[in-house]
PDB file of N, CA and C in Angstrom:
ATOM      1  N   MET A   1       0.819  -1.213  -0.068  1.00  0.00           N
ATOM      2  CA  MET A   1       0.046   0.009  -0.070  1.00  0.00           C
ATOM      3  C   MET A   1       0.919   1.298  -0.022  1.00  0.00           C
ATOM      4  N   PRO A   2       0.638   2.128  -0.847  1.00  0.00           N
ATOM      5  CA  PRO A   2       1.441   3.315  -0.953  1.00  0.00           C
ATOM      6  C   PRO A   2       1.365   4.216   0.402  1.00  0.00           C
ATOM      7  N   ARG A   3       2.402   4.745   0.746  1.00  0.00           N
ATOM      8  CA  ARG A   3       2.524   5.547   2.002  1.00  0.00           C
ATOM      9  C   ARG A   3       1.521   6.521   2.152  1.00  0.00           C
ATOM     10  N   ARG A   4       1.365   7.282   1.175  1.00  0.00           N
ATOM     11  CA  ARG A   4       0.276   8.399   1.181  1.00  0.00           C
ATOM     12  C   ARG A   4      -1.119   7.905   1.483  1.00  0.00           C
ATOM     13  N   MET A   5      -1.451   6.702   0.903  1.00  0.00           N
ATOM     14  CA  MET A   5      -2.744   6.115   1.137  1.00  0.00           C
ATOM     15  C   MET A   5      -2.933   5.649   2.549  1.00  0.00           C
ATOM     16  N   LEU A   6      -1.861   5.137   3.158  1.00  0.00           N
ATOM     17  CA  LEU A   6      -1.763   4.803   4.517  1.00  0.00           C
ATOM     18  C   LEU A   6      -1.946   5.809   5.439  1.00  0.00           C
ATOM     19  N   GLU A   7      -1.149   6.939   5.112  1.00  0.00           N
ATOM     20  CA  GLU A   7      -1.330   8.209   5.998  1.00  0.00           C
ATOM     21  C   GLU A   7      -2.775   8.782   5.933  1.00  0.00           C
ATOM     22  N   LYS A   8      -3.508   8.711   4.771  1.00  0.00           N
ATOM     23  CA  LYS A   8      -4.780   9.162   4.675  1.00  0.00           C
ATOM     24  C   LYS A   8      -5.730   8.201   5.658  1.00  0.00           C
ATOM     25  N   LEU A   9      -5.646   6.964   5.546  1.00  0.00           N
ATOM     26  CA  LEU A   9      -6.342   6.046   6.326  1.00  0.00           C
ATOM     27  C   LEU A   9      -6.127   6.381   7.806  1.00  0.00           C
ATOM     28  N   ILE A  10      -4.811   6.475   8.180  1.00  0.00           N
ATOM     29  CA  ILE A  10      -4.564   6.616   9.668  1.00  0.00           C
ATOM     30  C   ILE A  10      -5.266   8.024  10.078  1.00  0.00           C
ATOM     31  N   ASP A  11      -5.083   9.097   9.260  1.00  0.00           N
ATOM     32  CA  ASP A  11      -5.768  10.317   9.486  1.00  0.00           C
ATOM     33  C   ASP A  11      -7.238  10.268   9.614  1.00  0.00           C
ATOM     34  N   ALA A  12      -7.865   9.326   8.983  1.00  0.00           N
ATOM     35  CA  ALA A  12      -9.346   9.305   8.970  1.00  0.00           C
ATOM     36  C   ALA A  12      -9.878   8.516  10.122  1.00  0.00           C
ATOM     37  N   LEU A  13      -8.965   7.847  10.883  1.00  0.00           N
ATOM     38  CA  LEU A  13      -9.469   7.211  12.196  1.00  0.00           C
ATOM     39  C   LEU A  13      -9.941   8.160  13.268  1.00  0.00           C
ATOM     40  N   PRO A  14     -10.928   7.756  13.915  1.00  0.00           N
ATOM     41  CA  PRO A  14     -11.337   8.648  15.118  1.00  0.00           C
ATOM     42  C   PRO A  14     -10.194   8.929  15.970  1.00  0.00           C
ATOM     43  N   ASP A  15     -10.224   9.989  16.728  1.00  0.00           N
ATOM     44  CA  ASP A  15      -8.924  10.477  17.314  1.00  0.00           C
ATOM     45  C   ASP A  15      -8.487   9.472  18.434  1.00  0.00           C
ATOM     46  N   ASP A  16      -9.411   8.788  19.138  1.00  0.00           N
ATOM     47  CA  ASP A  16      -8.967   7.882  20.147  1.00  0.00           C
ATOM     48  C   ASP A  16      -8.385   6.599  19.529  1.00  0.00           C
ATOM     49  N   TYR A  17      -8.805   6.131  18.477  1.00  0.00           N
ATOM     50  CA  TYR A  17      -8.180   4.961  17.768  1.00  0.00           C
ATOM     51  C   TYR A  17      -6.986   5.411  17.128  1.00  0.00           C
ATOM     52  N   ARG A  18      -6.840   6.574  16.448  1.00  0.00           N
ATOM     53  CA  ARG A  18      -5.555   7.066  15.911  1.00  0.00           C
ATOM     54  C   ARG A  18      -4.419   7.183  16.935  1.00  0.00           C
ATOM     55  N   ALA A  19      -4.847   7.702  18.157  1.00  0.00           N
ATOM     56  CA  ALA A  19      -3.808   7.812  19.215  1.00  0.00           C
ATOM     57  C   ALA A  19      -3.254   6.526  19.718  1.00  0.00           C
ATOM     58  N   VAL A  20      -4.166   5.462  19.797  1.00  0.00           N
ATOM     59  CA  VAL A  20      -3.634   4.158  20.104  1.00  0.00           C
ATOM     60  C   VAL A  20      -2.749   3.608  19.100  1.00  0.00           C
ATOM     61  N   PHE A  21      -3.232   3.784  17.864  1.00  0.00           N
ATOM     62  CA  PHE A  21      -2.469   3.096  16.492  1.00  0.00           C
ATOM     63  C   PHE A  21      -1.055   3.686  16.710  1.00  0.00           C
ATOM     64  N   VAL A  22      -1.048   5.039  16.738  1.00  0.00           N
ATOM     65  CA  VAL A  22       0.356   5.729  16.680  1.00  0.00           C
ATOM     66  C   VAL A  22       1.071   5.202  17.863  1.00  0.00           C
ATOM     67  N   LEU A  23       0.668   5.205  19.102  1.00  0.00           N
ATOM     68  CA  LEU A  23       1.414   4.750  20.167  1.00  0.00           C
ATOM     69  C   LEU A  23       1.823   3.394  20.084  1.00  0.00           C
ATOM     70  N   ARG A  24       1.001   2.430  19.586  1.00  0.00           N
ATOM     71  CA  ARG A  24       1.303   1.087  19.593  1.00  0.00           C
ATOM     72  C   ARG A  24       2.183   0.636  18.445  1.00  0.00           C
ATOM     73  N   VAL A  25       1.760   1.001  17.115  1.00  0.00           N
ATOM     74  CA  VAL A  25       2.365   0.634  16.016  1.00  0.00           C
ATOM     75  C   VAL A  25       3.598   1.538  15.682  1.00  0.00           C
ATOM     76  N   LEU A  26       3.429   2.919  15.584  1.00  0.00           N
ATOM     77  CA  LEU A  26       4.467   3.797  15.237  1.00  0.00           C
ATOM     78  C   LEU A  26       5.570   3.990  16.285  1.00  0.00           C
ATOM     79  N   GLU A  27       5.006   4.233  17.521  1.00  0.00           N
ATOM     80  CA  GLU A  27       5.872   4.371  18.631  1.00  0.00           C
ATOM     81  C   GLU A  27       6.373   3.138  19.455  1.00  0.00           C
ATOM     82  N   GLU A  28       5.697   1.917  18.945  1.00  0.00           N
ATOM     83  CA  GLU A  28       6.050   0.706  19.601  1.00  0.00           C
ATOM     84  C   GLU A  28       6.085   0.656  21.003  1.00  0.00           C
ATOM     85  N   LEU A  29       5.041   1.195  21.668  1.00  0.00           N
ATOM     86  CA  LEU A  29       4.801   1.159  23.194  1.00  0.00           C
ATOM     87  C   LEU A  29       4.051  -0.261  23.310  1.00  0.00           C
ATOM     88  N   THR A  30       4.296  -0.681  24.643  1.00  0.00           N
ATOM     89  CA  THR A  30       3.527  -1.878  24.952  1.00  0.00           C
ATOM     90  C   THR A  30       2.191  -1.451  25.340  1.00  0.00           C
ATOM     91  N   VAL A  31       1.263  -2.306  25.669  1.00  0.00           N
ATOM     92  CA  VAL A  31      -0.045  -1.962  25.965  1.00  0.00           C
ATOM     93  C   VAL A  31      -0.120  -1.215  27.291  1.00  0.00           C
ATOM     94  N   GLU A  32       0.715  -1.700  28.243  1.00  0.00           N
ATOM     95  CA  GLU A  32       0.909  -0.980  29.501  1.00  0.00           C
ATOM     96  C   GLU A  32       1.384   0.370  29.360  1.00  0.00           C
ATOM     97  N   GLU A  33       2.359   0.695  28.508  1.00  0.00           N
ATOM     98  CA  GLU A  33       2.729   2.029  28.292  1.00  0.00           C
ATOM     99  C   GLU A  33       1.828   2.919  27.533  1.00  0.00           C
ATOM    100  N   THR A  34       1.095   2.296  26.582  1.00  0.00           N
ATOM    101  CA  THR A  34       0.018   3.055  25.922  1.00  0.00           C
ATOM    102  C   THR A  34      -1.005   3.491  26.838  1.00  0.00           C
ATOM    103  N   THR A  35      -1.485   2.519  27.799  1.00  0.00           N
ATOM    104  CA  THR A  35      -2.359   2.818  28.850  1.00  0.00           C
ATOM    105  C   THR A  35      -1.985   3.904  29.769  1.00  0.00           C
ATOM    106  N   ALA A  36      -0.761   3.862  30.136  1.00  0.00           N
ATOM    107  CA  ALA A  36      -0.260   4.899  31.045  1.00  0.00           C
ATOM    108  C   ALA A  36      -0.158   6.347  30.324  1.00  0.00           C
ATOM    109  N   ALA A  37       0.189   6.283  28.920  1.00  0.00           N
ATOM    110  CA  ALA A  37       0.303   7.518  28.167  1.00  0.00           C
ATOM    111  C   ALA A  37      -1.097   8.137  27.922  1.00  0.00           C
ATOM    112  N   LEU A  38      -2.205   7.350  27.864  1.00  0.00           N
ATOM    113  CA  LEU A  38      -3.542   7.774  27.625  1.00  0.00           C
ATOM    114  C   LEU A  38      -4.323   8.057  28.770  1.00  0.00           C
ATOM    115  N   GLY A  39      -4.014   7.233  29.890  1.00  0.00           N
ATOM    116  CA  GLY A  39      -4.599   7.285  31.175  1.00  0.00           C
ATOM    117  C   GLY A  39      -5.980   6.921  31.318  1.00  0.00           C
ATOM    118  N   PRO A  40      -6.512   6.109  30.470  1.00  0.00           N
ATOM    119  CA  PRO A  40      -8.005   5.653  30.620  1.00  0.00           C
ATOM    120  C   PRO A  40      -8.145   4.834  31.922  1.00  0.00           C
ATOM    121  N   SER A  41      -9.252   4.900  32.628  1.00  0.00           N
ATOM    122  CA  SER A  41      -9.508   3.879  33.675  1.00  0.00           C
ATOM    123  C   SER A  41     -10.012   2.703  33.181  1.00  0.00           C
ATOM    124  N   LEU A  42     -10.021   1.642  33.984  1.00  0.00           N
ATOM    125  CA  LEU A  42     -10.520   0.435  33.701  1.00  0.00           C
ATOM    126  C   LEU A  42     -12.049   0.459  33.103  1.00  0.00           C
ATOM    127  N   GLU A  43     -12.718   1.171  33.965  1.00  0.00           N
ATOM    128  CA  GLU A  43     -14.259   1.517  33.549  1.00  0.00           C
ATOM    129  C   GLU A  43     -14.393   1.977  32.317  1.00  0.00           C
ATOM    130  N   GLU A  44     -13.515   2.939  31.773  1.00  0.00           N
ATOM    131  CA  GLU A  44     -13.740   3.472  30.491  1.00  0.00           C
ATOM    132  C   GLU A  44     -13.130   2.536  29.466  1.00  0.00           C
ATOM    133  N   ALA A  45     -12.177   1.886  29.722  1.00  0.00           N
ATOM    134  CA  ALA A  45     -11.577   0.934  28.596  1.00  0.00           C
ATOM    135  C   ALA A  45     -12.341  -0.250  28.439  1.00  0.00           C
ATOM    136  N   PHE A  46     -12.993  -0.698  29.500  1.00  0.00           N
ATOM    137  CA  PHE A  46     -13.840  -1.954  29.380  1.00  0.00           C
ATOM    138  C   PHE A  46     -15.264  -1.784  29.890  1.00  0.00           C
ATOM    139  N   ALA A  47     -15.850  -0.790  29.346  1.00  0.00           N
ATOM    140  CA  ALA A  47     -17.229  -0.486  29.733  1.00  0.00           C
ATOM    141  C   ALA A  47     -18.168  -1.641  29.442  1.00  0.00           C
ATOM    142  N   PHE A  48     -19.156  -2.011  30.157  1.00  0.00           N
ATOM    143  CA  PHE A  48     -19.975  -3.190  30.005  1.00  0.00           C
ATOM    144  C   PHE A  48     -21.420  -2.707  29.731  1.00  0.00           C
ATOM    145  N   ASP A  49     -21.921  -2.910  28.519  1.00  0.00           N
ATOM    146  CA  ASP A  49     -23.361  -2.480  28.275  1.00  0.00           C
ATOM    147  C   ASP A  49     -24.194  -3.709  28.294  1.00  0.00           C
ATOM    148  N   GLY A  50     -24.583  -4.160  29.280  1.00  0.00           N
ATOM    149  CA  GLY A  50     -25.402  -5.427  29.693  1.00  0.00           C
ATOM    150  C   GLY A  50     -26.386  -5.909  28.599  1.00  0.00           C
ATOM    151  N   GLU A  51     -27.469  -5.077  28.473  1.00  0.00           N
ATOM    152  CA  GLU A  51     -28.514  -5.400  27.562  1.00  0.00           C
ATOM    153  C   GLU A  51     -27.958  -5.689  26.118  1.00  0.00           C
ATOM    154  N   ARG A  52     -27.099  -4.740  25.777  1.00  0.00           N
ATOM    155  CA  ARG A  52     -26.720  -4.725  24.307  1.00  0.00           C
ATOM    156  C   ARG A  52     -25.673  -5.862  24.108  1.00  0.00           C
ATOM    157  N   CYS A  53     -24.954  -6.185  25.196  1.00  0.00           N
ATOM    158  CA  CYS A  53     -23.991  -7.301  25.147  1.00  0.00           C
ATOM    159  C   CYS A  53     -24.841  -8.619  24.982  1.00  0.00           C
ATOM    160  N   ASP A  54     -25.898  -8.696  25.695  1.00  0.00           N
ATOM    161  CA  ASP A  54     -26.799  -9.943  25.657  1.00  0.00           C
ATOM    162  C   ASP A  54     -27.367 -10.065  24.218  1.00  0.00           C
ATOM    163  N   ARG A  55     -27.830  -8.954  23.734  1.00  0.00           N
ATOM    164  CA  ARG A  55     -28.308  -9.209  22.302  1.00  0.00           C
ATOM    165  C   ARG A  55     -27.345  -9.591  21.308  1.00  0.00           C
ATOM    166  N   ILE A  56     -26.273  -9.000  21.438  1.00  0.00           N
ATOM    167  CA  ILE A  56     -25.248  -9.440  20.476  1.00  0.00           C
ATOM    168  C   ILE A  56     -24.772 -10.951  20.576  1.00  0.00           C
ATOM    169  N   VAL A  57     -24.579 -11.350  21.837  1.00  0.00           N
ATOM    170  CA  VAL A  57     -24.374 -12.754  22.230  1.00  0.00           C
ATOM    171  C   VAL A  57     -25.439 -13.751  21.679  1.00  0.00           C
ATOM    172  N   ALA A  58     -26.639 -13.344  21.954  1.00  0.00           N
ATOM    173  CA  ALA A  58     -27.899 -14.099  21.373  1.00  0.00           C
ATOM    174  C   ALA A  58     -27.782 -14.245  19.902  1.00  0.00           C
ATOM    175  N   LYS A  59     -27.573 -13.183  19.209  1.00  0.00           N
ATOM    176  CA  LYS A  59     -27.474 -13.069  17.733  1.00  0.00           C
ATOM    177  C   LYS A  59     -26.376 -14.051  17.338  1.00  0.00           C
ATOM    178  N   VAL A  60     -25.230 -13.891  17.936  1.00  0.00           N
ATOM    179  CA  VAL A  60     -24.000 -14.724  17.412  1.00  0.00           C
ATOM    180  C   VAL A  60     -24.507 -16.173  17.659  1.00  0.00           C
ATOM    181  N   LEU A  61     -24.943 -16.605  18.846  1.00  0.00           N
ATOM    182  CA  LEU A  61     -25.327 -17.915  19.038  1.00  0.00           C
ATOM    183  C   LEU A  61     -26.395 -18.402  18.108  1.00  0.00           C
ATOM    184  N   GLU A  62     -27.317 -17.596  17.616  1.00  0.00           N
ATOM    185  CA  GLU A  62     -28.416 -18.017  16.641  1.00  0.00           C
ATOM    186  C   GLU A  62     -27.543 -18.233  15.376  1.00  0.00           C
ATOM    187  N   ARG A  63     -26.742 -17.489  14.933  1.00  0.00           N
ATOM    188  CA  ARG A  63     -26.032 -17.754  13.683  1.00  0.00           C
ATOM    189  C   ARG A  63     -25.205 -18.997  13.685  1.00  0.00           C
ATOM    190  N   ILE A  64     -24.534 -19.295  14.921  1.00  0.00           N
ATOM    191  CA  ILE A  64     -23.786 -20.417  15.064  1.00  0.00           C
ATOM    192  C   ILE A  64     -24.651 -21.697  14.790  1.00  0.00           C
ATOM    193  N   ALA A  65     -25.839 -21.585  15.515  1.00  0.00           N
ATOM    194  CA  ALA A  65     -26.704 -22.767  15.616  1.00  0.00           C
ATOM    195  C   ALA A  65     -27.356 -22.945  14.113  1.00  0.00           C
ATOM    196  N   ALA A  66     -27.564 -21.986  13.321  1.00  0.00           N
ATOM    197  CA  ALA A  66     -27.988 -21.944  12.065  1.00  0.00           C
ATOM    198  C   ALA A  66     -26.919 -22.344  11.085  1.00  0.00           C
ATOM    199  N   GLY A  67     -25.658 -22.239  11.437  1.00  0.00           N
ATOM    200  CA  GLY A  67     -24.631 -22.699  10.569  1.00  0.00           C
ATOM    201  C   GLY A  67     -24.271 -21.688   9.505  1.00  0.00           C
ATOM    202  N   THR A  68     -24.505 -20.316   9.977  1.00  0.00           N
ATOM    203  CA  THR A  68     -24.182 -19.262   9.009  1.00  0.00           C
ATOM    204  C   THR A  68     -22.923 -18.374   9.576  1.00  0.00           C
TER     205      THR A  68
END
C-alpha cells in the first residue's frame, strides 16, 4: 500500500483510535505504556453494556446454531 494512502487512512481514524494506533504501531509502546500515556480508567476501557451485550451474544449464538 502506498505510504500516502496509509497516511490518509490513519488520518481518517477517530481521534482515540488514531492515538492508540500511533502509540502502539509507530511508537512501539507496549499495552501498559500506551495505557499509561492515555490514562484511561478500567471502567472507560472496558465498559460493559449489559443488555446490548446480551443481544449481540444471542444473535451470534443464533447464527452459530443456524450454521451461518
